[in-house]
Amino acid sequence: NTTFNQRWLRYIYLTNKILNFKLNKGNCVWLDVGSYYGGLQSLVKKYRPEWKIILVDFHHQLCRSYIFLNNQFSNSKHILPDQIRKYKSFEDMPKGCIAYVPASEFSTISKMEVNLFTNFFSFGEMRKQIFLEYISSKVFKNSNFTYLVNRFVSAPFFEKTYDSDLNVSDYLKIE
């Protein structure tokens, strides 16, 4: 009597991949750009409750993430956008916290350090200038692990779901 959909199957696959990275389990800081409503983060947090999870997305998506994740993990410290500037680094944040960073405020954390930097699909939906800001940031370049899953062309081609000027060669330039 269990049902599932393609999104949750993808979350299960990505969770397995993330959990298999050789990360320091006790002090891991995971930053995900474009976290949607927090479904993937909820699965990983069930296995790694001590990880600090940083979500970067649009305000309305962070609101959805907060509602979902706060319901799932009400005992965790949830750091809201107006509280982010209180922390000079992610190391200063409480163990097991979940922080919500608006995409428009990414520059406030772009020099911090993380163990894992992920992006699933939203890089492929960005303009090149915004994409380059993310991949040229210190937080991206200095992460121990980077895990990206993106498409390069809006689908379907005859009715684009988004407009992006990125292509596969932009990803090949990542150092």
Protein backbone atom coordinates (compact mmCIF):
# COMPACT_ATOMS: atom_id res chain seq x y z
CA ASN A 1 0.00 0.00 0.00
CA THR A 2 2.81 2.39 -0.84
CA THR A 3 2.65 4.91 -3.65
CA PHE A 4 5.45 6.95 -5.14
CA ASN A 5 6.10 9.22 -8.07
CA GLN A 6 9.04 10.04 -10.30
CA ARG A 7 10.15 13.00 -8.14
CA TRP A 8 10.40 10.84 -5.00
CA LEU A 9 12.23 8.11 -6.89
CA ARG A 10 14.73 10.77 -7.98
CA TYR A 11 15.01 12.00 -4.37
CA ILE A 12 15.72 8.45 -3.19
CA TYR A 13 18.40 8.04 -5.86
CA LEU A 14 20.03 11.40 -5.03
CA THR A 15 19.86 10.68 -1.29
CA ASN A 16 21.74 7.44 -1.80
CA LYS A 17 24.42 9.22 -3.86
CA ILE A 18 24.80 11.99 -1.27
CA LEU A 19 25.02 9.56 1.64
CA ASN A 20 27.78 7.64 -0.15
CA PHE A 21 30.09 10.68 -0.33
CA LYS A 22 32.95 10.39 2.16
CA LEU A 23 31.89 13.39 4.23
CA ASN A 24 32.61 14.09 7.86
CA LYS A 25 29.28 12.95 9.19
CA GLY A 26 29.37 15.01 12.39
CA ASN A 27 30.33 18.41 11.03
CA CYS A 28 29.06 18.32 7.46
CA VAL A 29 27.65 21.51 5.96
CA TRP A 30 25.52 20.89 2.86
CA LEU A 31 24.45 23.82 0.67
CA ASP A 32 21.79 23.19 -1.98
CA VAL A 33 20.85 25.82 -4.54
CA GLY A 34 17.29 25.49 -5.82
CA SER A 35 15.99 23.25 -3.08
CA TYR A 36 12.32 23.49 -4.09
CA TYR A 37 10.16 22.52 -1.08
CA GLY A 38 12.77 20.50 0.85
CA GLY A 39 11.80 16.95 -0.10
CA LEU A 40 15.34 15.81 -0.84
CA GLN A 41 16.67 17.56 2.25
CA SER A 42 14.10 15.78 4.43
CA LEU A 43 15.29 12.38 3.23
CA VAL A 44 18.97 13.16 3.79
CA LYS A 45 18.24 14.68 7.21
CA LYS A 46 16.56 11.46 8.34
CA TYR A 47 19.88 9.67 7.81
CA ARG A 48 22.19 12.54 8.78
CA PRO A 49 20.31 14.59 11.41
CA GLU A 50 23.55 16.24 12.57
CA TRP A 51 24.29 17.83 9.19
CA LYS A 52 23.82 21.56 8.76
CA ILE A 53 21.62 22.07 5.70
CA ILE A 54 21.65 25.41 3.87
CA LEU A 55 18.86 25.96 1.33
CA VAL A 56 19.19 28.69 -1.30
CA ASP A 57 16.11 29.49 -3.35
CA PHE A 58 13.49 32.11 -4.14
CA HIS A 59 11.54 33.53 -1.17
CA HIS A 60 8.32 31.69 -2.04
CA GLN A 61 10.17 28.37 -2.35
CA LEU A 62 11.93 28.91 0.98
CA CYS A 63 8.54 29.49 2.57
CA ARG A 64 7.38 26.12 1.24
CA SER A 65 10.61 24.51 2.44
CA TYR A 66 10.22 25.99 5.89
CA ILE A 67 6.64 24.80 6.26
CA PHE A 68 7.50 21.28 5.11
CA LEU A 69 10.81 20.89 6.95
CA ASN A 70 9.63 22.54 10.15
CA ASN A 71 6.73 20.09 10.20
CA GLN A 72 9.13 17.17 9.68
CA PHE A 73 11.91 18.40 11.99
CA SER A 74 10.33 20.73 14.52
CA ASN A 75 13.10 20.00 17.05
CA SER A 76 15.81 21.24 14.66
CA LYS A 77 16.97 24.85 14.72
CA HIS A 78 15.52 26.64 11.68
CA ILE A 79 17.51 29.74 10.73
CA LEU A 80 15.30 32.14 8.81
CA PRO A 81 16.51 34.62 6.18
CA ASP A 82 16.55 37.60 8.55
CA GLN A 83 18.81 35.65 10.97
CA ILE A 84 21.51 34.56 8.47
CA ARG A 85 23.66 37.68 8.85
CA LYS A 86 24.19 36.89 12.55
CA TYR A 87 26.54 34.06 11.55
CA LYS A 88 30.04 34.77 10.24
CA SER A 89 30.40 31.17 9.07
CA PHE A 90 28.40 28.00 8.86
CA GLU A 91 30.61 26.60 11.62
CA ASP A 92 28.98 29.10 13.99
CA MET A 93 25.53 27.67 13.26
CA PRO A 94 24.09 24.99 15.55
CA LYS A 95 24.64 21.34 14.69
CA GLY A 96 21.70 19.90 12.75
CA CYS A 97 20.26 23.29 11.79
CA ILE A 98 18.41 24.12 8.60
CA ALA A 99 19.10 27.60 7.19
CA TYR A 100 17.01 29.35 4.55
CA VAL A 101 18.89 31.79 2.30
CA PRO A 102 17.04 33.78 -0.38
CA ALA A 103 18.77 33.60 -3.77
CA SER A 104 18.87 37.40 -3.74
CA GLU A 105 21.00 37.19 -0.56
CA PHE A 106 23.48 34.56 -1.83
CA SER A 107 26.32 37.08 -1.70
CA THR A 108 26.03 37.13 2.13
CA ILE A 109 27.14 33.48 2.26
CA SER A 110 29.17 33.20 -0.95
CA LYS A 111 32.51 33.28 0.91
CA MET A 112 31.60 30.72 3.56
CA GLU A 113 32.81 27.13 3.38
CA VAL A 114 30.80 23.95 2.90
CA ASN A 115 31.54 20.27 2.56
CA LEU A 116 28.94 19.62 -0.12
CA PHE A 117 27.53 22.00 -2.74
CA THR A 118 24.62 20.67 -4.79
CA ASN A 119 22.27 21.86 -7.48
CA PHE A 120 19.59 19.76 -9.10
CA PHE A 121 18.03 21.31 -12.21
CA SER A 122 17.87 25.01 -11.35
CA PHE A 123 21.31 25.90 -12.79
CA GLY A 124 19.89 24.85 -16.14
CA GLU A 125 17.07 27.35 -15.68
CA MET A 126 19.27 30.37 -14.95
CA ARG A 127 20.69 33.09 -17.11
CA LYS A 128 24.42 32.65 -17.69
CA GLN A 129 25.37 35.67 -15.54
CA ILE A 130 23.60 34.25 -12.46
CA PHE A 131 25.03 30.77 -13.10
CA LEU A 132 28.54 32.25 -13.31
CA GLU A 133 28.04 34.07 -10.00
CA TYR A 134 27.27 30.77 -8.30
CA ILE A 135 30.12 28.76 -9.84
CA SER A 136 32.69 31.51 -9.31
CA SER A 137 31.81 31.92 -5.62
CA LYS A 138 34.24 30.79 -2.93
CA VAL A 139 31.57 28.56 -1.38
CA PHE A 140 31.30 26.65 -4.68
CA LYS A 141 35.00 26.54 -5.53
CA ASN A 142 36.15 25.47 -2.07
CA SER A 143 33.52 22.83 -1.36
CA ASN A 144 34.89 19.35 -0.73
CA PHE A 145 32.27 17.84 -3.02
CA THR A 146 30.10 19.28 -5.78
CA TYR A 147 27.15 17.35 -7.13
CA LEU A 148 25.21 18.85 -10.04
CA VAL A 149 22.36 17.36 -12.07
CA ASN A 150 21.06 19.74 -14.72
CA ARG A 151 19.57 19.78 -18.17
CA PHE A 152 20.87 22.09 -20.84
CA VAL A 153 17.80 22.66 -22.97
CA SER A 154 14.36 23.67 -21.86
CA ALA A 155 11.92 20.90 -22.64
CA PRO A 156 9.99 20.56 -24.78
CA PHE A 157 11.82 22.61 -27.41
CA PHE A 158 8.57 23.75 -29.07
CA GLU A 159 7.16 25.11 -25.80
CA LYS A 160 9.97 26.20 -23.51
CA THR A 161 9.39 25.97 -19.78
CA TYR A 162 12.15 28.52 -19.14
CA ASP A 163 14.55 30.67 -21.11
CA SER A 164 18.26 30.10 -20.53
CA ASP A 165 21.35 30.94 -22.52
CA LEU A 166 23.46 28.20 -20.87
CA ASN A 167 24.79 25.23 -22.77
CA VAL A 168 26.91 22.19 -22.02
CA SER A 169 30.19 24.05 -22.60
CA ASP A 170 29.40 26.36 -19.65
CA TYR A 171 29.54 23.35 -17.32
CA LEU A 172 32.82 22.17 -18.85
CA LYS A 173 34.44 25.46 -17.75
CA ILE A 174 33.86 24.68 -14.07
CA GLU A 175 37.24 24.31 -12.36
